[in-house]
Structure formats: C-alpha cells, structure tokens
Amino acid sequence: MKKLEFKPSLVYKIYKFYLSTYNKLDKLPKKNRYSIGQKIENNILELLELINLANIQIKNLREPILHKASAKCNLLKLLIRLCYDLNLFNERQYISLESQIQEIGKMIGGWIKFARTQ
C-alpha cells in the first residue's frame, strides 16, 4: 500500500510550532518563563484562534482577521529573536523556531493575497 503524502495545513503548522515552542519555554529560567515565555505562548494560542476564526468566516470578512494573524506572526518573530539575543535560546533552537514561524508567515501572506482576489 502506498503512503499518502500531504502538505500540512496552516492550523497543523501552528499546532506543531506550539508544541516545539512549549518544550523550549518550559526550560527557561523562572523569571523569563513567566514574562516573555508567557507572552510567546499566549501569542501562539491567539494566532491559532485567529486562523481557526478565519477558516469559518465568510469570504469577505476573512481578510481583516488574516491581517491580525499576520501581525501576531510578526510579533512572534520579534519575541523569538529577543529570546535568542537574551541567550534564552541557543542558535539551533532559534533557527528551528524561526524557520517554522517564517513558513507560517508565508502561508498567512499567501492566504491574504488569495482573499484579495476573491
């Protein structure tokens, strides 16, 4: 039997990003875990919520929600970079998280472009 291949959806990508980030945030020092760590976790969950909302929204109401999701994604990029600059993430962790959030951002941007043509 042939194994089926599929491209993971945006929701799945954010879900996987949350899982990989959660494990790293859990290992942060206590003072950072409850400040920047909590901020990152909350923003990922809000991003997931916005994407789910955009999925069920009628076509002409999706674009504003997607712009909010894009802003959350940009904030996450900044917060992850800040963790790296504060030496809370090593280079390997930073590159892994940054590549995941870059891909999520590209997918959101593509969805925004598609929503404009509808």
N, C-alpha and C. Protein backbone atom coordinates (compact mmCIF):
# COMPACT_ATOMS: atom_id res chain seq x y z
N MET A 1 0.84 -1.17 0.00
CA MET A 1 0.00 0.00 0.00
C MET A 1 0.89 1.24 0.00
N LYS A 2 0.56 2.19 -0.85
CA LYS A 2 1.35 3.41 -0.97
C LYS A 2 0.97 4.41 0.12
N LYS A 3 1.98 5.03 0.71
CA LYS A 3 1.75 6.01 1.77
C LYS A 3 1.30 7.33 1.15
N LEU A 4 0.25 7.90 1.67
CA LEU A 4 -0.26 9.16 1.16
C LEU A 4 0.58 10.32 1.66
N GLU A 5 0.89 11.25 0.78
CA GLU A 5 1.62 12.44 1.16
C GLU A 5 0.68 13.63 1.10
N PHE A 6 0.82 14.53 2.05
CA PHE A 6 0.01 15.74 2.06
C PHE A 6 0.79 16.88 2.66
N LYS A 7 0.42 18.09 2.28
CA LYS A 7 1.02 19.27 2.88
C LYS A 7 0.19 19.64 4.10
N PRO A 8 0.84 19.78 5.23
CA PRO A 8 0.08 20.13 6.44
C PRO A 8 -0.59 21.50 6.30
N SER A 9 -1.76 21.61 6.85
CA SER A 9 -2.49 22.88 6.81
C SER A 9 -1.84 23.89 7.75
N LEU A 10 -2.27 25.11 7.63
CA LEU A 10 -1.76 26.19 8.47
C LEU A 10 -2.05 25.91 9.95
N VAL A 11 -3.22 25.40 10.24
CA VAL A 11 -3.56 25.09 11.63
C VAL A 11 -2.60 24.05 12.19
N TYR A 12 -2.31 23.03 11.39
CA TYR A 12 -1.39 21.99 11.83
C TYR A 12 0.02 22.55 12.04
N LYS A 13 0.46 23.45 11.16
CA LYS A 13 1.79 24.07 11.30
C LYS A 13 1.89 24.86 12.60
N ILE A 14 0.84 25.63 12.90
CA ILE A 14 0.83 26.42 14.15
C ILE A 14 0.80 25.49 15.35
N TYR A 15 0.02 24.43 15.25
CA TYR A 15 -0.06 23.43 16.32
C TYR A 15 1.32 22.83 16.60
N LYS A 16 2.03 22.42 15.55
CA LYS A 16 3.36 21.85 15.70
C LYS A 16 4.35 22.90 16.23
N PHE A 17 4.19 24.14 15.79
CA PHE A 17 5.04 25.23 16.29
C PHE A 17 4.82 25.42 17.79
N TYR A 18 3.57 25.36 18.22
CA TYR A 18 3.27 25.49 19.65
C TYR A 18 3.94 24.37 20.44
N LEU A 19 3.84 23.14 19.95
CA LEU A 19 4.44 22.01 20.65
C LEU A 19 5.95 22.17 20.80
N SER A 20 6.61 22.55 19.72
CA SER A 20 8.07 22.70 19.80
C SER A 20 8.47 23.90 20.65
N THR A 21 7.68 24.96 20.62
CA THR A 21 7.98 26.13 21.44
C THR A 21 7.71 25.86 22.92
N TYR A 22 6.63 25.16 23.19
CA TYR A 22 6.24 24.87 24.57
C TYR A 22 7.37 24.16 25.32
N ASN A 23 7.98 23.18 24.68
CA ASN A 23 9.07 22.43 25.32
C ASN A 23 10.26 23.33 25.62
N LYS A 24 10.53 24.26 24.73
CA LYS A 24 11.67 25.17 24.94
C LYS A 24 11.34 26.21 26.02
N LEU A 25 10.11 26.71 26.02
CA LEU A 25 9.72 27.71 27.01
C LEU A 25 9.69 27.12 28.42
N ASP A 26 9.37 25.85 28.50
CA ASP A 26 9.29 25.19 29.81
C ASP A 26 10.66 25.10 30.48
N LYS A 27 11.71 25.19 29.69
CA LYS A 27 13.08 25.10 30.22
C LYS A 27 13.71 26.46 30.49
N LEU A 28 12.97 27.53 30.24
CA LEU A 28 13.50 28.88 30.51
C LEU A 28 13.63 29.10 32.02
N PRO A 29 14.52 30.00 32.43
CA PRO A 29 14.57 30.37 33.85
C PRO A 29 13.21 30.92 34.29
N LYS A 30 12.91 30.74 35.55
CA LYS A 30 11.58 31.09 36.07
C LYS A 30 11.17 32.52 35.75
N LYS A 31 12.07 33.49 35.94
CA LYS A 31 11.70 34.89 35.71
C LYS A 31 11.37 35.14 34.24
N ASN A 32 12.02 34.43 33.31
CA ASN A 32 11.74 34.60 31.89
C ASN A 32 10.54 33.79 31.44
N ARG A 33 10.31 32.66 32.08
CA ARG A 33 9.19 31.80 31.72
C ARG A 33 7.86 32.52 31.94
N TYR A 34 7.79 33.32 33.00
CA TYR A 34 6.53 33.98 33.32
C TYR A 34 6.43 35.39 32.75
N SER A 35 7.39 35.80 31.97
CA SER A 35 7.30 37.10 31.30
C SER A 35 7.28 36.86 29.79
N ILE A 36 8.44 36.81 29.18
CA ILE A 36 8.49 36.65 27.73
C ILE A 36 7.98 35.27 27.29
N GLY A 37 8.24 34.25 28.10
CA GLY A 37 7.75 32.91 27.77
C GLY A 37 6.24 32.86 27.70
N GLN A 38 5.59 33.47 28.68
CA GLN A 38 4.12 33.51 28.71
C GLN A 38 3.58 34.34 27.54
N LYS A 39 4.26 35.41 27.22
CA LYS A 39 3.85 36.27 26.10
C LYS A 39 3.90 35.49 24.77
N ILE A 40 4.97 34.74 24.58
CA ILE A 40 5.10 33.93 23.36
C ILE A 40 3.99 32.88 23.30
N GLU A 41 3.79 32.18 24.40
CA GLU A 41 2.77 31.14 24.44
C GLU A 41 1.38 31.71 24.15
N ASN A 42 1.06 32.83 24.78
CA ASN A 42 -0.25 33.45 24.55
C ASN A 42 -0.44 33.88 23.10
N ASN A 43 0.61 34.43 22.49
CA ASN A 43 0.52 34.88 21.11
C ASN A 43 0.36 33.72 20.14
N ILE A 44 1.00 32.61 20.41
CA ILE A 44 0.82 31.43 19.55
C ILE A 44 -0.62 30.94 19.63
N LEU A 45 -1.15 30.88 20.85
CA LEU A 45 -2.53 30.43 21.02
C LEU A 45 -3.52 31.41 20.38
N GLU A 46 -3.25 32.71 20.47
CA GLU A 46 -4.10 33.70 19.82
C GLU A 46 -4.01 33.59 18.30
N LEU A 47 -2.83 33.30 17.79
CA LEU A 47 -2.65 33.09 16.35
C LEU A 47 -3.46 31.88 15.89
N LEU A 48 -3.41 30.81 16.64
CA LEU A 48 -4.19 29.61 16.32
C LEU A 48 -5.69 29.93 16.33
N GLU A 49 -6.11 30.71 17.30
CA GLU A 49 -7.52 31.10 17.40
C GLU A 49 -7.94 31.96 16.20
N LEU A 50 -7.09 32.90 15.80
CA LEU A 50 -7.41 33.75 14.65
C LEU A 50 -7.51 32.95 13.36
N ILE A 51 -6.61 32.00 13.16
CA ILE A 51 -6.64 31.19 11.95
C ILE A 51 -7.89 30.31 11.92
N ASN A 52 -8.25 29.75 13.06
CA ASN A 52 -9.49 28.98 13.13
C ASN A 52 -10.69 29.85 12.83
N LEU A 53 -10.70 31.07 13.34
CA LEU A 53 -11.79 32.01 13.07
C LEU A 53 -11.85 32.36 11.59
N ALA A 54 -10.70 32.59 10.97
CA ALA A 54 -10.66 32.91 9.54
C ALA A 54 -11.17 31.74 8.71
N ASN A 55 -10.91 30.51 9.16
CA ASN A 55 -11.37 29.33 8.44
C ASN A 55 -12.89 29.24 8.36
N ILE A 56 -13.57 29.68 9.39
CA ILE A 56 -15.03 29.54 9.41
C ILE A 56 -15.76 30.81 8.98
N GLN A 57 -15.01 31.87 8.76
CA GLN A 57 -15.61 33.16 8.39
C GLN A 57 -16.00 33.18 6.91
N ILE A 58 -17.01 33.98 6.59
CA ILE A 58 -17.37 34.13 5.19
C ILE A 58 -16.27 34.90 4.47
N LYS A 59 -16.16 34.70 3.17
CA LYS A 59 -15.00 35.16 2.40
C LYS A 59 -14.68 36.64 2.56
N ASN A 60 -15.68 37.51 2.53
CA ASN A 60 -15.38 38.95 2.57
C ASN A 60 -14.99 39.44 3.98
N LEU A 61 -15.11 38.61 5.00
CA LEU A 61 -14.72 39.00 6.36
C LEU A 61 -13.40 38.37 6.80
N ARG A 62 -12.79 37.57 5.94
CA ARG A 62 -11.55 36.87 6.31
C ARG A 62 -10.34 37.78 6.35
N GLU A 63 -10.25 38.70 5.41
CA GLU A 63 -9.02 39.47 5.26
C GLU A 63 -8.63 40.25 6.52
N PRO A 64 -9.56 40.96 7.19
CA PRO A 64 -9.15 41.66 8.43
C PRO A 64 -8.63 40.72 9.51
N ILE A 65 -9.21 39.54 9.61
CA ILE A 65 -8.76 38.56 10.60
C ILE A 65 -7.36 38.06 10.23
N LEU A 66 -7.13 37.86 8.94
CA LEU A 66 -5.82 37.40 8.48
C LEU A 66 -4.74 38.45 8.72
N HIS A 67 -5.11 39.72 8.60
CA HIS A 67 -4.14 40.79 8.89
C HIS A 67 -3.77 40.79 10.38
N LYS A 68 -4.74 40.52 11.24
CA LYS A 68 -4.44 40.41 12.67
C LYS A 68 -3.51 39.22 12.93
N ALA A 69 -3.78 38.12 12.24
CA ALA A 69 -2.94 36.93 12.38
C ALA A 69 -1.52 37.22 11.89
N SER A 70 -1.40 37.97 10.82
CA SER A 70 -0.09 38.33 10.29
C SER A 70 0.68 39.20 11.30
N ALA A 71 -0.03 40.11 11.95
CA ALA A 71 0.60 40.95 12.97
C ALA A 71 1.08 40.10 14.15
N LYS A 72 0.28 39.12 14.56
CA LYS A 72 0.69 38.21 15.65
C LYS A 72 1.94 37.43 15.24
N CYS A 73 1.96 36.99 13.99
CA CYS A 73 3.11 36.25 13.48
C CYS A 73 4.37 37.12 13.52
N ASN A 74 4.25 38.36 13.10
CA ASN A 74 5.39 39.27 13.13
C ASN A 74 5.87 39.53 14.55
N LEU A 75 4.94 39.65 15.48
CA LEU A 75 5.30 39.82 16.89
C LEU A 75 6.04 38.59 17.42
N LEU A 76 5.57 37.41 17.02
CA LEU A 76 6.24 36.18 17.45
C LEU A 76 7.67 36.12 16.93
N LYS A 77 7.88 36.54 15.69
CA LYS A 77 9.24 36.57 15.14
C LYS A 77 10.14 37.46 15.99
N LEU A 78 9.60 38.60 16.37
CA LEU A 78 10.36 39.55 17.19
C LEU A 78 10.67 38.98 18.58
N LEU A 79 9.68 38.35 19.20
CA LEU A 79 9.87 37.79 20.54
C LEU A 79 10.86 36.63 20.53
N ILE A 80 10.81 35.82 19.49
CA ILE A 80 11.75 34.71 19.38
C ILE A 80 13.17 35.23 19.19
N ARG A 81 13.30 36.27 18.37
CA ARG A 81 14.62 36.89 18.17
C ARG A 81 15.12 37.48 19.49
N LEU A 82 14.22 38.07 20.25
CA LEU A 82 14.59 38.64 21.55
C LEU A 82 15.10 37.54 22.48
N CYS A 83 14.44 36.40 22.50
CA CYS A 83 14.91 35.28 23.33
C CYS A 83 16.30 34.84 22.92
N TYR A 84 16.55 34.82 21.63
CA TYR A 84 17.89 34.44 21.15
C TYR A 84 18.92 35.48 21.59
N ASP A 85 18.59 36.75 21.42
CA ASP A 85 19.52 37.82 21.80
C ASP A 85 19.77 37.87 23.31
N LEU A 86 18.81 37.40 24.10
CA LEU A 86 18.97 37.34 25.55
C LEU A 86 19.63 36.03 26.00
N ASN A 87 20.05 35.23 25.02
CA ASN A 87 20.67 33.93 25.28
C ASN A 87 19.75 32.96 26.00
N LEU A 88 18.45 33.09 25.76
CA LEU A 88 17.48 32.15 26.32
C LEU A 88 17.30 30.95 25.40
N PHE A 89 17.55 31.16 24.11
CA PHE A 89 17.55 30.08 23.12
C PHE A 89 18.94 30.01 22.52
N ASN A 90 19.42 28.81 22.28
CA ASN A 90 20.69 28.69 21.58
C ASN A 90 20.44 28.86 20.07
N GLU A 91 21.51 28.87 19.31
CA GLU A 91 21.38 29.14 17.87
C GLU A 91 20.54 28.08 17.16
N ARG A 92 20.73 26.85 17.54
CA ARG A 92 19.97 25.75 16.92
C ARG A 92 18.47 25.88 17.19
N GLN A 93 18.11 26.18 18.44
CA GLN A 93 16.70 26.36 18.79
C GLN A 93 16.11 27.56 18.04
N TYR A 94 16.88 28.63 17.99
CA TYR A 94 16.42 29.84 17.30
C TYR A 94 16.16 29.57 15.82
N ILE A 95 17.09 28.92 15.17
CA ILE A 95 16.94 28.64 13.74
C ILE A 95 15.73 27.74 13.49
N SER A 96 15.53 26.77 14.33
CA SER A 96 14.39 25.87 14.19
C SER A 96 13.06 26.62 14.33
N LEU A 97 12.95 27.41 15.39
CA LEU A 97 11.71 28.16 15.61
C LEU A 97 11.50 29.24 14.56
N GLU A 98 12.57 29.91 14.19
CA GLU A 98 12.47 30.98 13.20
C GLU A 98 12.03 30.44 11.84
N SER A 99 12.55 29.29 11.45
CA SER A 99 12.15 28.73 10.15
C SER A 99 10.68 28.31 10.17
N GLN A 100 10.21 27.80 11.30
CA GLN A 100 8.80 27.42 11.41
C GLN A 100 7.89 28.65 11.33
N ILE A 101 8.24 29.70 12.05
CA ILE A 101 7.39 30.89 12.06
C ILE A 101 7.47 31.63 10.72
N GLN A 102 8.61 31.54 10.03
CA GLN A 102 8.73 32.13 8.69
C GLN A 102 7.76 31.43 7.74
N GLU A 103 7.71 30.11 7.81
CA GLU A 103 6.82 29.35 6.93
C GLU A 103 5.36 29.67 7.24
N ILE A 104 5.03 29.80 8.50
CA ILE A 104 3.66 30.17 8.89
C ILE A 104 3.32 31.54 8.35
N GLY A 105 4.25 32.48 8.47
CA GLY A 105 4.04 33.83 7.95
C GLY A 105 3.82 33.85 6.45
N LYS A 106 4.57 33.04 5.72
CA LYS A 106 4.40 32.96 4.27
C LYS A 106 3.03 32.40 3.91
N MET A 107 2.59 31.41 4.67
CA MET A 107 1.27 30.82 4.41
C MET A 107 0.16 31.83 4.67
N ILE A 108 0.29 32.59 5.74
CA ILE A 108 -0.71 33.63 6.04
C ILE A 108 -0.70 34.69 4.94
N GLY A 109 0.49 35.12 4.52
CA GLY A 109 0.61 36.10 3.44
C GLY A 109 -0.03 35.61 2.15
N GLY A 110 0.18 34.35 1.84
CA GLY A 110 -0.44 33.77 0.65
C GLY A 110 -1.94 33.74 0.75
N TRP A 111 -2.44 33.46 1.93
CA TRP A 111 -3.89 33.43 2.14
C TRP A 111 -4.48 34.84 2.01
N ILE A 112 -3.75 35.83 2.50
CA ILE A 112 -4.20 37.23 2.36
C ILE A 112 -4.28 37.60 0.88
N LYS A 113 -3.26 37.26 0.11
CA LYS A 113 -3.27 37.55 -1.33
C LYS A 113 -4.44 36.86 -2.01
N PHE A 114 -4.68 35.61 -1.64
CA PHE A 114 -5.80 34.86 -2.22
C PHE A 114 -7.14 35.51 -1.83
N ALA A 115 -7.25 35.96 -0.58
CA ALA A 115 -8.50 36.57 -0.11
C ALA A 115 -8.78 37.88 -0.87
N ARG A 116 -7.76 38.59 -1.27
CA ARG A 116 -7.93 39.84 -2.03
C ARG A 116 -8.50 39.60 -3.42
N THR A 117 -8.19 38.45 -3.99
CA THR A 117 -8.66 38.16 -5.34
C THR A 117 -10.08 37.62 -5.37
N GLN A 118 -10.60 37.25 -4.22
CA GLN A 118 -11.95 36.69 -4.15
C GLN A 118 -13.00 37.77 -4.23
